[in-house]
Amino acid sequence: MRNPVVNLPVKALAQLMPMHMIVNDRGAVLSVGPTLLKLVPGLGSGLHGCLVSGRAGQGAEAIDAIRNAVDRGLRLFLRVQHIADLVLRGHGVRLSDGTMLVNLGFGIGLTRAIRKAHLTDADFAPSDLAMELLFLQEANRGVLNELSRFNHQLAAAREVALLQAQTDPLTGLGNRRALEGALAIAVRRSGDERQDRPTPFALLHMDLDHFKQVNDRLGHKAGDDLLRDVGKVLHGLVRKEDMAARIGGDEFVLILRGMVCPAAIAQVAERLIGSIRDLSPPQLTDLHVSASIGVVIWHHDRFETPETLLDMADAALYASKRKGRGCATIA
């Protein structure tokens, strides 16, 4: 079969190859496809200042790259100067009059080129799969974004569930589970990253005196209201690095990090006892709600387990009860 000679009018060439250009060996641009011209508006006046070689050294002439690719049958890479990092790729052939017909495409720069030049489906030949690839890319991005959003929601829901699982619903303080975790961390956490030793702390175990009489005489609603008020007192007492928990009934435990001075701890305990005494319901005319506290001071050179520390604080608490209640005992 003979090789036919095909002569196309410029309009037909533009429809079939909207990213084409015809150049001569001097670099003069004789024809430009509408999509390429939309992307590189100055190309109709010549290659200079519009395109440079995408493979040669910085600023290499585009005509040299085109001539080399056409005459050697190589792939052509041209960089658009006014769009950062946008490289066009393609190939070219010699026409019968010696000029060069080059057809270019976008490669991985498709999305950036479309956004920069506001290209639409009408800017591509019907046989070009660019828009279909772009649609798949956008669909994939949409799916990934949706999965990311779902994962964020799942992580947030997990955090909320974990927080609820470690929070006393009545007072908003931590519960026993939260206390056990915080105490386990406290005995092994590094208070100063430059020093390989945990931060010392004071462990306070507090029990409300005469709380049973509040429930028996005034009802459980009054008892719940009192517990909520105690929770507010503890919220106001602890610092960000501290921990306050209600571990059951009218029992509360505090972890005060860095508190090792017995005199300072005694002042905190007295202030706490006074605040609890102020919450005593006035209807209890013959007695007052107060607080008994047991304290253990933990240093980094001690090796008690969290369970042992709680037992020691509990023993100190009952020593306060034996003393007459409404006081604190430091073990």
Protein backbone atom coordinates (compact mmCIF):
# COMPACT_ATOMS: atom_id res chain seq x y z
CA MET A 1 0.00 0.00 0.00
CA ARG A 2 1.35 3.43 -0.97
CA ASN A 3 1.87 6.09 1.67
CA PRO A 4 -0.74 8.76 0.93
CA VAL A 5 0.06 12.44 1.17
CA VAL A 6 -2.50 14.13 3.42
CA ASN A 7 -3.06 17.84 3.15
CA LEU A 8 -5.20 19.26 5.91
CA PRO A 9 -6.54 22.76 6.21
CA VAL A 10 -5.54 24.56 9.40
CA LYS A 11 -9.11 24.38 10.73
CA ALA A 12 -9.22 20.58 10.40
CA LEU A 13 -5.75 20.26 11.94
CA ALA A 14 -6.86 22.38 14.89
CA GLN A 15 -9.89 20.12 15.46
CA LEU A 16 -7.86 16.92 15.32
CA MET A 17 -4.80 18.24 17.15
CA PRO A 18 -5.72 21.22 19.38
CA MET A 19 -2.32 20.99 21.08
CA HIS A 20 -0.24 21.11 17.88
CA MET A 21 2.16 23.68 16.51
CA ILE A 22 4.05 23.98 13.24
CA VAL A 23 7.48 25.60 13.43
CA ASN A 24 10.36 26.04 11.02
CA ASP A 25 14.03 25.55 11.79
CA ARG A 26 14.47 29.20 12.70
CA GLY A 27 11.85 28.87 15.47
CA ALA A 28 9.08 30.79 13.77
CA VAL A 29 5.65 29.49 14.76
CA LEU A 30 3.48 29.03 11.67
CA SER A 31 0.43 27.41 13.25
CA VAL A 32 -0.78 26.83 16.81
CA GLY A 33 -3.66 24.67 18.03
CA PRO A 34 -6.35 26.56 19.95
CA THR A 35 -5.83 24.72 23.23
CA LEU A 36 -2.06 25.22 23.17
CA LEU A 37 -2.58 28.90 22.34
CA LYS A 38 -5.04 29.20 25.23
CA LEU A 39 -2.42 27.72 27.55
CA VAL A 40 0.49 29.78 26.12
CA PRO A 41 -1.08 32.95 24.70
CA GLY A 42 2.21 34.44 23.44
CA LEU A 43 3.13 31.41 21.40
CA GLY A 44 1.68 32.87 18.19
CA SER A 45 4.56 35.38 18.15
CA GLY A 46 7.28 32.75 18.50
CA LEU A 47 8.85 30.26 20.87
CA HIS A 48 11.11 32.71 22.63
CA GLY A 49 9.87 33.63 26.09
CA CYS A 50 7.12 31.00 25.95
CA LEU A 51 8.72 27.56 25.90
CA VAL A 52 12.15 26.20 26.78
CA SER A 53 13.56 22.72 26.71
CA GLY A 54 12.31 20.61 29.58
CA ARG A 55 15.27 18.22 29.48
CA ALA A 56 18.28 20.32 28.58
CA GLY A 57 19.95 22.88 30.80
CA GLN A 58 18.01 25.74 32.37
CA GLY A 59 16.77 28.14 29.69
CA ALA A 60 17.83 25.98 26.69
CA GLU A 61 16.19 27.01 23.43
CA ALA A 62 12.95 25.22 22.59
CA ILE A 63 13.75 25.10 18.85
CA ASP A 64 16.90 23.08 19.50
CA ALA A 65 14.95 20.56 21.57
CA ILE A 66 12.21 20.34 18.92
CA ARG A 67 14.68 19.87 16.05
CA ASN A 68 16.61 17.23 17.98
CA ALA A 69 13.47 15.27 18.90
CA VAL A 70 11.98 15.43 15.38
CA ASP A 71 15.13 14.47 13.50
CA ARG A 72 16.09 11.68 15.92
CA GLY A 73 12.59 10.34 16.58
CA LEU A 74 12.76 11.08 20.29
CA ARG A 75 10.16 12.18 22.78
CA LEU A 76 9.91 15.92 23.21
CA PHE A 77 9.71 17.73 26.55
CA LEU A 78 9.02 21.48 26.69
CA ARG A 79 8.58 23.60 29.78
CA VAL A 80 6.03 26.42 29.92
CA GLN A 81 7.88 29.42 31.29
CA HIS A 82 5.02 31.29 32.95
CA ILE A 83 3.56 28.22 34.73
CA ALA A 84 5.91 26.83 37.35
CA ASP A 85 6.85 23.17 36.90
CA LEU A 86 4.50 22.58 33.95
CA VAL A 87 6.21 20.39 31.36
CA LEU A 88 4.52 19.45 28.08
CA ARG A 89 5.45 16.21 26.38
CA GLY A 90 4.95 15.03 22.84
CA HIS A 91 6.59 14.17 19.52
CA GLY A 92 6.95 15.66 16.05
CA VAL A 93 7.56 14.93 12.39
CA ARG A 94 8.95 16.74 9.37
CA LEU A 95 6.43 17.92 6.81
CA SER A 96 7.05 17.89 3.07
CA ASP A 97 8.05 21.56 3.07
CA GLY A 98 10.69 20.99 5.77
CA THR A 99 8.73 22.51 8.63
CA MET A 100 8.03 20.51 11.76
CA LEU A 101 4.64 19.44 13.07
CA VAL A 102 4.68 18.94 16.83
CA ASN A 103 1.82 17.51 18.88
CA LEU A 104 2.00 18.06 22.63
CA GLY A 105 0.21 16.73 25.71
CA PHE A 106 0.13 17.40 29.42
CA GLY A 107 1.21 14.24 31.20
CA ILE A 108 1.10 14.60 34.97
CA GLY A 109 0.70 18.38 34.62
CA LEU A 110 -2.85 18.00 33.28
CA THR A 111 -4.65 19.25 36.40
CA ARG A 112 -2.41 22.29 36.82
CA ALA A 113 -2.74 23.24 33.13
CA ILE A 114 -6.53 22.92 33.18
CA ARG A 115 -6.82 25.15 36.24
CA LYS A 116 -4.32 27.70 34.97
CA ALA A 117 -5.85 28.08 31.48
CA HIS A 118 -9.46 27.29 32.49
CA LEU A 119 -9.64 24.46 29.96
CA THR A 120 -12.83 22.49 29.38
CA ASP A 121 -13.80 19.33 27.54
CA ALA A 122 -14.23 21.41 24.35
CA ASP A 123 -10.51 22.20 24.37
CA PHE A 124 -9.55 18.57 23.76
CA ALA A 125 -9.92 16.34 20.73
CA PRO A 126 -12.74 13.76 21.03
CA SER A 127 -10.16 10.98 20.96
CA ASP A 128 -8.11 12.55 23.77
CA LEU A 129 -8.67 10.81 27.10
CA ALA A 130 -7.40 13.77 29.10
CA MET A 131 -10.77 14.81 30.47
CA GLU A 132 -11.71 11.23 31.28
CA LEU A 133 -8.44 10.86 33.17
CA LEU A 134 -9.10 14.14 34.92
CA PHE A 135 -12.58 12.95 35.88
CA LEU A 136 -11.12 9.75 37.32
CA GLN A 137 -8.51 11.77 39.18
CA GLU A 138 -11.13 14.09 40.64
CA ALA A 139 -13.38 11.16 41.50
CA ASN A 140 -10.45 9.45 43.23
CA ARG A 141 -9.64 12.65 45.09
CA GLY A 142 -13.27 12.94 46.14
CA VAL A 143 -13.28 9.38 47.46
CA LEU A 144 -10.02 9.96 49.32
CA ASN A 145 -11.33 13.21 50.80
CA GLU A 146 -14.49 11.45 51.92
CA LEU A 147 -12.48 8.62 53.46
CA SER A 148 -10.26 11.17 55.20
CA ARG A 149 -13.31 13.00 56.54
CA PHE A 150 -14.80 9.72 57.73
CA ASN A 151 -11.54 8.76 59.43
CA HIS A 152 -11.43 12.15 61.19
CA GLN A 153 -15.02 11.69 62.35
CA LEU A 154 -14.22 8.15 63.51
CA ALA A 155 -11.14 9.36 65.40
CA ALA A 156 -13.15 12.17 66.99
CA ALA A 157 -15.92 9.75 67.97
CA ARG A 158 -13.31 7.40 69.43
CA GLU A 159 -11.83 10.24 71.49
CA VAL A 160 -15.29 11.21 72.75
CA ALA A 161 -16.09 7.61 73.63
CA LEU A 162 -12.75 7.23 75.43
CA LEU A 163 -13.33 10.46 77.33
CA GLN A 164 -16.84 9.37 78.32
CA ALA A 165 -15.51 5.98 79.42
CA GLN A 166 -13.07 7.75 81.76
CA THR A 167 -15.38 10.49 83.07
CA ASP A 168 -17.67 10.42 86.09
CA PRO A 169 -21.04 11.52 84.64
CA LEU A 170 -22.22 13.19 87.86
CA THR A 171 -19.25 15.46 88.62
CA GLY A 172 -17.38 15.62 85.32
CA LEU A 173 -14.22 14.47 87.08
CA GLY A 174 -12.26 11.43 86.07
CA ASN A 175 -13.49 8.03 87.19
CA ARG A 176 -11.58 5.11 88.70
CA ARG A 177 -10.44 3.93 85.27
CA ALA A 178 -9.03 7.37 84.46
CA LEU A 179 -7.32 7.55 87.85
CA GLU A 180 -5.65 4.18 87.42
CA GLY A 181 -4.31 5.23 84.03
CA ALA A 182 -3.08 8.60 85.27
CA LEU A 183 -1.44 7.09 88.33
CA ALA A 184 0.31 4.43 86.24
CA ILE A 185 1.67 7.19 84.00
CA ALA A 186 2.65 9.38 86.95
CA VAL A 187 4.98 6.80 88.46
CA ARG A 188 6.85 6.37 85.21
CA ARG A 189 6.47 9.69 83.31
CA SER A 190 9.45 11.99 82.75
CA GLY A 191 8.87 15.35 84.36
CA ASP A 192 11.89 16.83 82.59
CA GLU A 193 12.97 15.39 79.25
CA ARG A 194 16.56 16.23 80.15
CA GLN A 195 16.35 14.06 83.26
CA ASP A 196 15.48 10.40 83.21
CA ARG A 197 13.28 10.40 86.30
CA PRO A 198 9.56 10.90 86.97
CA THR A 199 8.05 13.96 88.59
CA PRO A 200 7.21 13.51 92.29
CA PHE A 201 3.62 14.06 93.33
CA ALA A 202 1.19 14.03 96.21
CA LEU A 203 -1.69 11.56 96.20
CA LEU A 204 -4.73 12.73 98.18
CA HIS A 205 -7.58 10.37 99.05
CA MET A 206 -10.64 12.28 100.30
CA ASP A 207 -13.88 10.99 101.78
CA LEU A 208 -16.93 13.10 102.75
CA ASP A 209 -17.89 12.88 106.41
CA HIS A 210 -21.60 12.41 107.21
CA PHE A 211 -22.52 12.10 103.53
CA LYS A 212 -24.80 9.14 104.30
CA GLN A 213 -26.94 11.39 106.51
CA VAL A 214 -27.44 13.77 103.56
CA ASN A 215 -28.91 10.96 101.49
CA ASP A 216 -30.92 9.51 104.38
CA ARG A 217 -32.39 12.80 105.63
CA LEU A 218 -32.57 14.99 102.54
CA GLY A 219 -32.82 12.46 99.73
CA HIS A 220 -30.54 11.31 96.98
CA LYS A 221 -31.10 14.43 94.89
CA ALA A 222 -29.58 16.51 97.67
CA GLY A 223 -26.71 14.04 97.83
CA ASP A 224 -26.13 14.28 94.07
CA ASP A 225 -26.23 18.07 94.23
CA LEU A 226 -23.63 18.01 96.97
CA LEU A 227 -21.37 15.70 94.95
CA ARG A 228 -21.66 18.01 91.94
CA ASP A 229 -20.65 20.96 94.12
CA VAL A 230 -17.67 19.01 95.42
CA GLY A 231 -16.72 18.29 91.81
CA LYS A 232 -16.76 22.02 91.08
CA VAL A 233 -14.49 22.65 94.07
CA LEU A 234 -12.00 20.08 92.85
CA HIS A 235 -12.14 21.39 89.28
CA GLY A 236 -11.19 24.80 90.63
CA LEU A 237 -8.40 23.39 92.79
CA VAL A 238 -6.44 21.23 90.35
CA ARG A 239 -4.04 22.61 87.79
CA LYS A 240 -3.75 21.47 84.17
CA GLU A 241 -1.07 18.94 85.03
CA ASP A 242 -3.01 17.55 88.01
CA MET A 243 -5.74 14.92 88.16
CA ALA A 244 -8.99 14.75 90.14
CA ALA A 245 -11.27 11.72 90.13
CA ARG A 246 -14.37 10.43 91.86
CA ILE A 247 -13.75 6.74 92.42
CA GLY A 248 -17.11 5.83 93.89
CA GLY A 249 -19.79 7.12 96.24
CA ASP A 250 -18.34 10.04 98.17
CA GLU A 251 -14.67 9.15 97.62
CA PHE A 252 -12.33 11.36 95.63
CA VAL A 253 -8.64 11.10 94.71
CA LEU A 254 -6.29 13.86 93.58
CA ILE A 255 -2.84 13.65 91.98
CA LEU A 256 -0.95 16.91 92.54
CA ARG A 257 2.23 16.81 90.46
CA GLY A 258 5.34 18.41 91.91
CA MET A 259 3.73 18.83 95.36
CA VAL A 260 6.23 17.37 97.85
CA CYS A 261 6.38 19.97 100.62
CA PRO A 262 4.28 18.71 103.58
CA ALA A 263 3.50 22.25 104.74
CA ALA A 264 2.25 23.28 101.28
CA ILE A 265 0.22 20.10 100.98
CA ALA A 266 -1.29 20.68 104.40
CA GLN A 267 -2.38 24.17 103.32
CA VAL A 268 -4.04 22.76 100.19
CA ALA A 269 -5.79 20.11 102.27
CA GLU A 270 -7.04 22.69 104.80
CA ARG A 271 -8.36 24.91 102.03
CA LEU A 272 -10.12 21.92 100.50
CA ILE A 273 -11.60 20.87 103.84
CA GLY A 274 -12.85 24.41 104.42
CA SER A 275 -14.47 24.58 100.98
CA ILE A 276 -16.24 21.25 101.58
CA ARG A 277 -17.44 22.42 105.01
CA ASP A 278 -19.00 25.48 103.34
CA LEU A 279 -21.05 23.13 101.12
CA SER A 280 -22.71 21.41 104.07
CA PRO A 281 -26.52 21.64 103.66
CA PRO A 282 -27.97 23.98 106.33
CA GLN A 283 -30.83 21.52 106.86
CA LEU A 284 -28.41 19.27 108.75
CA THR A 285 -28.67 21.30 111.93
CA ASP A 286 -26.99 18.83 114.29
CA LEU A 287 -23.96 17.94 112.15
CA HIS A 288 -21.87 19.26 109.27
CA VAL A 289 -20.53 17.61 106.15
CA SER A 290 -16.77 17.77 106.16
CA ALA A 291 -13.87 15.97 104.50
CA SER A 292 -11.25 13.58 105.78
CA ILE A 293 -8.07 13.32 103.71
CA GLY A 294 -5.18 10.88 103.56
CA VAL A 295 -1.98 11.91 101.75
CA VAL A 296 0.97 10.01 100.32
CA ILE A 297 3.99 11.88 98.91
CA TRP A 298 5.72 9.94 96.12
CA HIS A 299 9.32 10.60 95.08
CA HIS A 300 11.18 9.24 92.06
CA ASP A 301 13.35 7.00 94.26
CA ARG A 302 10.32 5.06 95.56
CA PHE A 303 9.06 1.95 93.85
CA GLU A 304 5.49 1.44 95.07
CA THR A 305 2.91 0.28 92.58
CA PRO A 306 -0.19 2.42 91.94
CA GLU A 307 -2.25 -0.09 93.94
CA THR A 308 0.12 0.16 96.91
CA LEU A 309 0.03 3.96 96.81
CA LEU A 310 -3.78 3.93 96.85
CA ASP A 311 -3.76 1.54 99.80
CA MET A 312 -1.32 3.80 101.68
CA ALA A 313 -3.47 6.89 100.98
CA ASP A 314 -6.56 4.97 102.09
CA ALA A 315 -4.84 4.02 105.35
CA ALA A 316 -3.90 7.67 105.93
CA LEU A 317 -7.52 8.63 105.24
CA TYR A 318 -8.81 6.31 107.94
CA ALA A 319 -6.20 7.69 110.31
CA SER A 320 -7.88 11.08 109.76
CA LYS A 321 -11.25 9.48 110.48
CA ARG A 322 -9.92 8.12 113.78
CA LYS A 323 -8.62 11.56 114.71
CA GLY A 324 -12.12 12.95 114.63
CA ARG A 325 -12.69 13.64 110.89
CA GLY A 326 -12.43 16.93 109.07
CA CYS A 327 -8.64 16.78 108.94
CA ALA A 328 -5.75 15.52 106.81
CA THR A 329 -3.05 12.94 107.58
CA ILE A 330 0.20 12.76 105.58
CA ALA A 331 1.63 9.25 105.54
